PDB file of N, CA and C in Angstrom:
ATOM      1  N   MET A   1     -27.056  34.605   7.430  1.00  0.00           N
ATOM      2  CA  MET A   1     -25.890  34.579   6.567  1.00  0.00           C
ATOM      3  C   MET A   1     -26.336  34.969   5.159  1.00  0.00           C
ATOM      4  N   THR A   2     -25.627  35.918   4.571  1.00  0.00           N
ATOM      5  CA  THR A   2     -25.968  36.334   3.213  1.00  0.00           C
ATOM      6  C   THR A   2     -25.528  35.264   2.214  1.00  0.00           C
ATOM      7  N   PHE A   3     -26.061  35.372   1.004  1.00  0.00           N
ATOM      8  CA  PHE A   3     -25.687  34.422  -0.043  1.00  0.00           C
ATOM      9  C   PHE A   3     -24.187  34.470  -0.324  1.00  0.00           C
ATOM     10  N   GLU A   4     -23.623  35.669  -0.346  1.00  0.00           N
ATOM     11  CA  GLU A   4     -22.184  35.797  -0.613  1.00  0.00           C
ATOM     12  C   GLU A   4     -21.352  35.162   0.500  1.00  0.00           C
ATOM     13  N   ASP A   5     -21.764  35.356   1.750  1.00  0.00           N
ATOM     14  CA  ASP A   5     -21.070  34.721   2.876  1.00  0.00           C
ATOM     15  C   ASP A   5     -21.184  33.202   2.790  1.00  0.00           C
ATOM     16  N   TRP A   6     -22.372  32.731   2.426  1.00  0.00           N
ATOM     17  CA  TRP A   6     -22.617  31.297   2.283  1.00  0.00           C
ATOM     18  C   TRP A   6     -21.710  30.694   1.211  1.00  0.00           C
ATOM     19  N   LYS A   7     -21.642  31.378   0.064  1.00  0.00           N
ATOM     20  CA  LYS A   7     -20.782  30.886  -1.023  1.00  0.00           C
ATOM     21  C   LYS A   7     -19.314  30.864  -0.605  1.00  0.00           C
ATOM     22  N   ALA A   8     -18.887  31.877   0.142  1.00  0.00           N
ATOM     23  CA  ALA A   8     -17.499  31.926   0.610  1.00  0.00           C
ATOM     24  C   ALA A   8     -17.211  30.750   1.540  1.00  0.00           C
ATOM     25  N   ARG A   9     -18.175  30.425   2.397  1.00  0.00           N
ATOM     26  CA  ARG A   9     -17.995  29.282   3.311  1.00  0.00           C
ATOM     27  C   ARG A   9     -17.967  27.973   2.543  1.00  0.00           C
ATOM     28  N   VAL A  10     -18.818  27.829   1.519  1.00  0.00           N
ATOM     29  CA  VAL A  10     -18.791  26.633   0.665  1.00  0.00           C
ATOM     30  C   VAL A  10     -17.413  26.499   0.024  1.00  0.00           C
ATOM     31  N   ASP A  11     -16.862  27.601  -0.462  1.00  0.00           N
ATOM     32  CA  ASP A  11     -15.526  27.566  -1.063  1.00  0.00           C
ATOM     33  C   ASP A  11     -14.464  27.115  -0.064  1.00  0.00           C
ATOM     34  N   GLU A  12     -14.550  27.605   1.170  1.00  0.00           N
ATOM     35  CA  GLU A  12     -13.592  27.194   2.201  1.00  0.00           C
ATOM     36  C   GLU A  12     -13.663  25.686   2.436  1.00  0.00           C
ATOM     37  N   ILE A  13     -14.867  25.162   2.494  1.00  0.00           N
ATOM     38  CA  ILE A  13     -15.056  23.725   2.715  1.00  0.00           C
ATOM     39  C   ILE A  13     -14.512  22.938   1.533  1.00  0.00           C
ATOM     40  N   LEU A  14     -14.843  23.373   0.320  1.00  0.00           N
ATOM     41  CA  LEU A  14     -14.354  22.682  -0.874  1.00  0.00           C
ATOM     42  C   LEU A  14     -12.825  22.703  -0.939  1.00  0.00           C
ATOM     43  N   LEU A  15     -12.229  23.830  -0.597  1.00  0.00           N
ATOM     44  CA  LEU A  15     -10.763  23.903  -0.590  1.00  0.00           C
ATOM     45  C   LEU A  15     -10.161  22.889   0.367  1.00  0.00           C
ATOM     46  N   GLY A  16     -10.783  22.707   1.508  1.00  0.00           N
ATOM     47  CA  GLY A  16     -10.298  21.735   2.472  1.00  0.00           C
ATOM     48  C   GLY A  16     -10.484  20.299   2.014  1.00  0.00           C
ATOM     49  N   TRP A  17     -11.548  20.049   1.271  1.00  0.00           N
ATOM     50  CA  TRP A  17     -11.840  18.679   0.838  1.00  0.00           C
ATOM     51  C   TRP A  17     -11.145  18.298  -0.454  1.00  0.00           C
ATOM     52  N   VAL A  18     -11.200  19.157  -1.470  1.00  0.00           N
ATOM     53  CA  VAL A  18     -10.698  18.779  -2.800  1.00  0.00           C
ATOM     54  C   VAL A  18      -9.745  19.808  -3.406  1.00  0.00           C
ATOM     55  N   GLU A  19      -9.379  20.815  -2.625  1.00  0.00           N
ATOM     56  CA  GLU A  19      -8.447  21.857  -3.069  1.00  0.00           C
ATOM     57  C   GLU A  19      -8.918  22.581  -4.322  1.00  0.00           C
ATOM     58  N   MET A  20     -10.234  22.778  -4.429  1.00  0.00           N
ATOM     59  CA  MET A  20     -10.837  23.534  -5.524  1.00  0.00           C
ATOM     60  C   MET A  20     -11.968  24.382  -4.957  1.00  0.00           C
ATOM     61  N   LYS A  21     -12.302  25.444  -5.675  1.00  0.00           N
ATOM     62  CA  LYS A  21     -13.448  26.276  -5.330  1.00  0.00           C
ATOM     63  C   LYS A  21     -14.586  25.976  -6.298  1.00  0.00           C
ATOM     64  N   GLN A  22     -15.742  26.575  -6.030  1.00  0.00           N
ATOM     65  CA  GLN A  22     -16.900  26.378  -6.903  1.00  0.00           C
ATOM     66  C   GLN A  22     -16.601  26.776  -8.342  1.00  0.00           C
ATOM     67  N   ASP A  23     -15.823  27.841  -8.519  1.00  0.00           N
ATOM     68  CA  ASP A  23     -15.505  28.306  -9.875  1.00  0.00           C
ATOM     69  C   ASP A  23     -14.649  27.312 -10.649  1.00  0.00           C
ATOM     70  N   ASP A  24     -13.998  26.399  -9.943  1.00  0.00           N
ATOM     71  CA  ASP A  24     -13.160  25.383 -10.589  1.00  0.00           C
ATOM     72  C   ASP A  24     -13.966  24.157 -10.993  1.00  0.00           C
ATOM     73  N   LEU A  25     -15.205  24.094 -10.570  1.00  0.00           N
ATOM     74  CA  LEU A  25     -16.065  22.936 -10.806  1.00  0.00           C
ATOM     75  C   LEU A  25     -17.208  23.326 -11.741  1.00  0.00           C
ATOM     76  N   PRO A  26     -17.899  22.331 -12.302  1.00  0.00           N
ATOM     77  CA  PRO A  26     -19.030  22.650 -13.186  1.00  0.00           C
ATOM     78  C   PRO A  26     -20.084  23.483 -12.462  1.00  0.00           C
ATOM     79  N   ASP A  27     -20.796  24.293 -13.235  1.00  0.00           N
ATOM     80  CA  ASP A  27     -21.858  25.123 -12.670  1.00  0.00           C
ATOM     81  C   ASP A  27     -22.889  24.257 -11.964  1.00  0.00           C
ATOM     82  N   TRP A  28     -23.397  24.782 -10.865  1.00  0.00           N
ATOM     83  CA  TRP A  28     -24.442  24.092 -10.117  1.00  0.00           C
ATOM     84  C   TRP A  28     -25.414  25.142  -9.580  1.00  0.00           C
ATOM     85  N   LEU A  29     -26.523  24.732  -9.067  1.00  0.00           N
ATOM     86  CA  LEU A  29     -27.569  25.650  -8.636  1.00  0.00           C
ATOM     87  C   LEU A  29     -27.339  26.110  -7.202  1.00  0.00           C
ATOM     88  N   ALA A  30     -26.301  26.898  -7.010  1.00  0.00           N
ATOM     89  CA  ALA A  30     -25.915  27.359  -5.682  1.00  0.00           C
ATOM     90  C   ALA A  30     -27.012  28.206  -5.051  1.00  0.00           C
ATOM     91  N   ARG A  31     -27.607  29.090  -5.824  1.00  0.00           N
ATOM     92  CA  ARG A  31     -28.640  29.964  -5.255  1.00  0.00           C
ATOM     93  C   ARG A  31     -29.848  29.151  -4.794  1.00  0.00           C
ATOM     94  N   ASP A  32     -30.215  28.137  -5.565  1.00  0.00           N
ATOM     95  CA  ASP A  32     -31.328  27.280  -5.160  1.00  0.00           C
ATOM     96  C   ASP A  32     -30.998  26.539  -3.868  1.00  0.00           C
ATOM     97  N   ALA A  33     -29.761  26.076  -3.754  1.00  0.00           N
ATOM     98  CA  ALA A  33     -29.339  25.373  -2.537  1.00  0.00           C
ATOM     99  C   ALA A  33     -29.408  26.308  -1.338  1.00  0.00           C
ATOM    100  N   TYR A  34     -28.932  27.521  -1.498  1.00  0.00           N
ATOM    101  CA  TYR A  34     -28.971  28.519  -0.425  1.00  0.00           C
ATOM    102  C   TYR A  34     -30.409  28.840  -0.042  1.00  0.00           C
ATOM    103  N   ASP A  35     -31.253  29.093  -1.042  1.00  0.00           N
ATOM    104  CA  ASP A  35     -32.649  29.457  -0.791  1.00  0.00           C
ATOM    105  C   ASP A  35     -33.425  28.331  -0.110  1.00  0.00           C
ATOM    106  N   SER A  36     -33.010  27.080  -0.342  1.00  0.00           N
ATOM    107  CA  SER A  36     -33.709  25.949   0.278  1.00  0.00           C
ATOM    108  C   SER A  36     -33.252  25.707   1.715  1.00  0.00           C
ATOM    109  N   GLY A  37     -32.256  26.485   2.172  1.00  0.00           N
ATOM    110  CA  GLY A  37     -31.801  26.366   3.554  1.00  0.00           C
ATOM    111  C   GLY A  37     -30.667  25.377   3.761  1.00  0.00           C
ATOM    112  N   LEU A  38     -30.059  24.936   2.685  1.00  0.00           N
ATOM    113  CA  LEU A  38     -28.937  23.998   2.794  1.00  0.00           C
ATOM    114  C   LEU A  38     -27.769  24.669   3.510  1.00  0.00           C
ATOM    115  N   THR A  39     -27.095  23.938   4.381  1.00  0.00           N
ATOM    116  CA  THR A  39     -25.925  24.476   5.068  1.00  0.00           C
ATOM    117  C   THR A  39     -24.769  24.591   4.078  1.00  0.00           C
ATOM    118  N   PRO A  40     -23.746  25.376   4.377  1.00  0.00           N
ATOM    119  CA  PRO A  40     -22.583  25.432   3.487  1.00  0.00           C
ATOM    120  C   PRO A  40     -21.960  24.053   3.258  1.00  0.00           C
ATOM    121  N   ARG A  41     -21.919  23.246   4.309  1.00  0.00           N
ATOM    122  CA  ARG A  41     -21.376  21.887   4.166  1.00  0.00           C
ATOM    123  C   ARG A  41     -22.235  21.061   3.214  1.00  0.00           C
ATOM    124  N   GLY A  42     -23.547  21.166   3.364  1.00  0.00           N
ATOM    125  CA  GLY A  42     -24.450  20.475   2.449  1.00  0.00           C
ATOM    126  C   GLY A  42     -24.303  20.995   1.030  1.00  0.00           C
ATOM    127  N   GLY A  43     -24.092  22.308   0.901  1.00  0.00           N
ATOM    128  CA  GLY A  43     -23.865  22.895  -0.412  1.00  0.00           C
ATOM    129  C   GLY A  43     -22.592  22.369  -1.059  1.00  0.00           C
ATOM    130  N   ALA A  44     -21.551  22.200  -0.248  1.00  0.00           N
ATOM    131  CA  ALA A  44     -20.295  21.658  -0.770  1.00  0.00           C
ATOM    132  C   ALA A  44     -20.500  20.227  -1.268  1.00  0.00           C
ATOM    133  N   HIS A  45     -21.257  19.435  -0.498  1.00  0.00           N
ATOM    134  CA  HIS A  45     -21.568  18.068  -0.936  1.00  0.00           C
ATOM    135  C   HIS A  45     -22.335  18.086  -2.249  1.00  0.00           C
ATOM    136  N   GLN A  46     -23.351  18.952  -2.328  1.00  0.00           N
ATOM    137  CA  GLN A  46     -24.168  19.018  -3.537  1.00  0.00           C
ATOM    138  C   GLN A  46     -23.335  19.476  -4.733  1.00  0.00           C
ATOM    139  N   CYS A  47     -22.460  20.429  -4.515  1.00  0.00           N
ATOM    140  CA  CYS A  47     -21.588  20.915  -5.584  1.00  0.00           C
ATOM    141  C   CYS A  47     -20.708  19.782  -6.120  1.00  0.00           C
ATOM    142  N   LEU A  48     -20.150  18.989  -5.211  1.00  0.00           N
ATOM    143  CA  LEU A  48     -19.300  17.875  -5.630  1.00  0.00           C
ATOM    144  C   LEU A  48     -20.098  16.779  -6.331  1.00  0.00           C
ATOM    145  N   GLU A  49     -21.282  16.485  -5.812  1.00  0.00           N
ATOM    146  CA  GLU A  49     -22.132  15.488  -6.467  1.00  0.00           C
ATOM    147  C   GLU A  49     -22.482  15.926  -7.880  1.00  0.00           C
ATOM    148  N   ASN A  50     -22.783  17.211  -8.050  1.00  0.00           N
ATOM    149  CA  ASN A  50     -23.095  17.752  -9.368  1.00  0.00           C
ATOM    150  C   ASN A  50     -21.915  17.608 -10.324  1.00  0.00           C
ATOM    151  N   ALA A  51     -20.715  17.708  -9.786  1.00  0.00           N
ATOM    152  CA  ALA A  51     -19.500  17.595 -10.601  1.00  0.00           C
ATOM    153  C   ALA A  51     -19.121  16.147 -10.873  1.00  0.00           C
ATOM    154  N   GLY A  52     -19.864  15.204 -10.288  1.00  0.00           N
ATOM    155  CA  GLY A  52     -19.591  13.792 -10.535  1.00  0.00           C
ATOM    156  C   GLY A  52     -18.605  13.169  -9.563  1.00  0.00           C
ATOM    157  N   TYR A  53     -18.297  13.879  -8.484  1.00  0.00           N
ATOM    158  CA  TYR A  53     -17.381  13.337  -7.493  1.00  0.00           C
ATOM    159  C   TYR A  53     -18.097  12.313  -6.620  1.00  0.00           C
ATOM    160  N   ALA A  54     -17.446  11.199  -6.396  1.00  0.00           N
ATOM    161  CA  ALA A  54     -17.921  10.208  -5.429  1.00  0.00           C
ATOM    162  C   ALA A  54     -17.102  10.451  -4.167  1.00  0.00           C
ATOM    163  N   PHE A  55     -17.422  11.515  -3.491  1.00  0.00           N
ATOM    164  CA  PHE A  55     -16.609  11.977  -2.375  1.00  0.00           C
ATOM    165  C   PHE A  55     -17.339  11.738  -1.079  1.00  0.00           C
ATOM    166  N   ASN A  56     -16.706  11.017  -0.166  1.00  0.00           N
ATOM    167  CA  ASN A  56     -17.285  10.755   1.147  1.00  0.00           C
ATOM    168  C   ASN A  56     -16.407  11.380   2.201  1.00  0.00           C
ATOM    169  N   GLU A  57     -16.779  12.555   2.666  1.00  0.00           N
ATOM    170  CA  GLU A  57     -16.031  13.236   3.723  1.00  0.00           C
ATOM    171  C   GLU A  57     -16.328  12.511   5.022  1.00  0.00           C
ATOM    172  N   LYS A  58     -15.283  12.119   5.757  1.00  0.00           N
ATOM    173  CA  LYS A  58     -15.438  11.335   6.977  1.00  0.00           C
ATOM    174  C   LYS A  58     -15.773  12.241   8.155  1.00  0.00           C
ATOM    175  N   ASP A  59     -16.915  11.998   8.770  1.00  0.00           N
ATOM    176  CA  ASP A  59     -17.309  12.772   9.937  1.00  0.00           C
ATOM    177  C   ASP A  59     -16.492  12.356  11.146  1.00  0.00           C
ATOM    178  N   GLU A  60     -16.285  13.298  12.053  1.00  0.00           N
ATOM    179  CA  GLU A  60     -15.570  12.975  13.278  1.00  0.00           C
ATOM    180  C   GLU A  60     -16.306  11.905  14.067  1.00  0.00           C
ATOM    181  N   ASP A  61     -17.628  11.879  13.973  1.00  0.00           N
ATOM    182  CA  ASP A  61     -18.407  10.878  14.699  1.00  0.00           C
ATOM    183  C   ASP A  61     -18.122   9.467  14.204  1.00  0.00           C
ATOM    184  N   ASP A  62     -17.633   9.351  12.966  1.00  0.00           N
ATOM    185  CA  ASP A  62     -17.357   8.042  12.390  1.00  0.00           C
ATOM    186  C   ASP A  62     -15.939   7.568  12.661  1.00  0.00           C
ATOM    187  N   TYR A  63     -15.168   8.350  13.416  1.00  0.00           N
ATOM    188  CA  TYR A  63     -13.770   8.008  13.660  1.00  0.00           C
ATOM    189  C   TYR A  63     -13.674   6.657  14.339  1.00  0.00           C
ATOM    190  N   ASP A  64     -12.846   5.781  13.795  1.00  0.00           N
ATOM    191  CA  ASP A  64     -12.671   4.432  14.326  1.00  0.00           C
ATOM    192  C   ASP A  64     -11.300   4.341  14.980  1.00  0.00           C
ATOM    193  N   ASP A  65     -11.295   4.244  16.298  1.00  0.00           N
ATOM    194  CA  ASP A  65     -10.017   4.174  16.994  1.00  0.00           C
ATOM    195  C   ASP A  65      -9.703   2.756  17.446  1.00  0.00           C
ATOM    196  N   SER A  66     -10.317   1.766  16.829  1.00  0.00           N
ATOM    197  CA  SER A  66     -10.121   0.388  17.257  1.00  0.00           C
ATOM    198  C   SER A  66      -8.679  -0.082  17.061  1.00  0.00           C
ATOM    199  N   MET A  67      -7.944   0.529  16.169  1.00  0.00           N
ATOM    200  CA  MET A  67      -6.552   0.130  15.930  1.00  0.00           C
ATOM    201  C   MET A  67      -5.565   0.948  16.755  1.00  0.00           C
ATOM    202  N   ASP A  68      -6.050   1.928  17.507  1.00  0.00           N
ATOM    203  CA  ASP A  68      -5.159   2.740  18.321  1.00  0.00           C
ATOM    204  C   ASP A  68      -4.724   1.956  19.545  1.00  0.00           C
ATOM    205  N   GLY A  69      -3.421   1.923  19.773  1.00  0.00           N
ATOM    206  CA  GLY A  69      -2.890   1.232  20.946  1.00  0.00           C
ATOM    207  C   GLY A  69      -2.114   2.195  21.809  1.00  0.00           C
ATOM    208  N   ASP A  70      -1.300   1.645  22.664  1.00  0.00           N
ATOM    209  CA  ASP A  70      -0.484   2.499  23.517  1.00  0.00           C
ATOM    210  C   ASP A  70       0.814   2.865  22.800  1.00  0.00           C
ATOM    211  N   HIS A  71       1.629   3.675  23.435  1.00  0.00           N
ATOM    212  CA  HIS A  71       2.870   4.133  22.801  1.00  0.00           C
ATOM    213  C   HIS A  71       3.819   2.983  22.501  1.00  0.00           C
ATOM    214  N   ALA A  72       3.932   2.035  23.408  1.00  0.00           N
ATOM    215  CA  ALA A  72       4.861   0.916  23.211  1.00  0.00           C
ATOM    216  C   ALA A  72       4.482   0.091  21.993  1.00  0.00           C
ATOM    217  N   SER A  73       3.179  -0.189  21.833  1.00  0.00           N
ATOM    218  CA  SER A  73       2.775  -0.994  20.678  1.00  0.00           C
ATOM    219  C   SER A  73       2.957  -0.220  19.380  1.00  0.00           C
ATOM    220  N   ALA A  74       2.769   1.099  19.429  1.00  0.00           N
ATOM    221  CA  ALA A  74       2.980   1.914  18.231  1.00  0.00           C
ATOM    222  C   ALA A  74       4.454   1.904  17.837  1.00  0.00           C
ATOM    223  N   LEU A  75       5.338   2.051  18.799  1.00  0.00           N
ATOM    224  CA  LEU A  75       6.773   2.021  18.507  1.00  0.00           C
ATOM    225  C   LEU A  75       7.204   0.652  18.020  1.00  0.00           C
ATOM    226  N   ALA A  76       6.661  -0.404  18.614  1.00  0.00           N
ATOM    227  CA  ALA A  76       7.004  -1.757  18.166  1.00  0.00           C
ATOM    228  C   ALA A  76       6.535  -1.977  16.731  1.00  0.00           C
ATOM    229  N   SER A  77       5.335  -1.479  16.406  1.00  0.00           N
ATOM    230  CA  SER A  77       4.827  -1.614  15.040  1.00  0.00           C
ATOM    231  C   SER A  77       5.687  -0.865  14.040  1.00  0.00           C
ATOM    232  N   ALA A  78       6.313   0.215  14.494  1.00  0.00           N
ATOM    233  CA  ALA A  78       7.166   1.016  13.609  1.00  0.00           C
ATOM    234  C   ALA A  78       8.589   0.463  13.537  1.00  0.00           C
ATOM    235  N   GLY A  79       8.845  -0.634  14.228  1.00  0.00           N
ATOM    236  CA  GLY A  79      10.165  -1.247  14.167  1.00  0.00           C
ATOM    237  C   GLY A  79      11.127  -0.758  15.222  1.00  0.00           C
ATOM    238  N   TRP A  80      10.649  -0.008  16.193  1.00  0.00           N
ATOM    239  CA  TRP A  80      11.526   0.513  17.234  1.00  0.00           C
ATOM    240  C   TRP A  80      11.695  -0.463  18.381  1.00  0.00           C
ATOM    241  N   GLY A  81      10.795  -1.423  18.511  1.00  0.00           N
ATOM    242  CA  GLY A  81      10.909  -2.407  19.578  1.00  0.00           C
ATOM    243  C   GLY A  81      10.632  -1.815  20.940  1.00  0.00           C
ATOM    244  N   THR A  82      10.816  -2.630  21.965  1.00  0.00           N
ATOM    245  CA  THR A  82      10.614  -2.201  23.346  1.00  0.00           C
ATOM    246  C   THR A  82      11.871  -2.496  24.137  1.00  0.00           C
ATOM    247  N   ASP A  83      11.942  -2.058  25.389  1.00  0.00           N
ATOM    248  CA  ASP A  83      13.099  -2.332  26.227  1.00  0.00           C
ATOM    249  C   ASP A  83      13.333  -3.824  26.361  1.00  0.00           C
ATOM    250  N   GLU A  84      12.254  -4.600  26.483  1.00  0.00           N
ATOM    251  CA  GLU A  84      12.394  -6.062  26.609  1.00  0.00           C
ATOM    252  C   GLU A  84      13.072  -6.668  25.394  1.00  0.00           C
ATOM    253  N   ASP A  85      12.835  -6.090  24.212  1.00  0.00           N
ATOM    254  CA  ASP A  85      13.429  -6.608  22.989  1.00  0.00           C
ATOM    255  C   ASP A  85      14.945  -6.469  22.992  1.00  0.00           C
ATOM    256  N   TYR A  86      15.463  -5.513  23.740  1.00  0.00           N
ATOM    257  CA  TYR A  86      16.890  -5.249  23.747  1.00  0.00           C
ATOM    258  C   TYR A  86      17.568  -5.672  25.036  1.00  0.00           C
ATOM    259  N   GLY A  87      16.839  -6.404  25.884  1.00  0.00           N
ATOM    260  CA  GLY A  87      17.432  -6.916  27.104  1.00  0.00           C
ATOM    261  C   GLY A  87      17.612  -5.891  28.201  1.00  0.00           C
ATOM    262  N   ALA A  88      16.945  -4.758  28.139  1.00  0.00           N
ATOM    263  CA  ALA A  88      17.085  -3.728  29.154  1.00  0.00           C
ATOM    264  C   ALA A  88      15.811  -3.686  29.992  1.00  0.00           C
ATOM    265  N   PHE A  89      15.683  -4.684  30.889  1.00  0.00           N
ATOM    266  CA  PHE A  89      14.489  -4.673  31.747  1.00  0.00           C
ATOM    267  C   PHE A  89      14.842  -4.743  33.190  1.00  0.00           C
TER     268      PHE A  89
END
C-alpha cells in the first residue's frame, strides 16, 4: 500500500469514528507512522491521540450481548406488552 493510499484509508476510518479527516485535526507524524508499519487503523488511533482525543473505538470482539433477549422481552421492555398481558392466550 502506498503512503497516499494509506492516508486515504486513515481518513476513511477517521470519518467513520469522528466525522473528521486528518486535515481537520492537528498535524501529526503520519509519514513516520506509515514508515514504522502502523496499520491505517493504528494510524487513525495515533492521529486522534495526538489531537488529544480520549477515543475508545469499540471492537466487535468486545461486543457484550448479555442484555440481548428474545423478541417478546424486547417488546415488553418497549411498552408493547405480550399476548398474556392483554388476555389473548
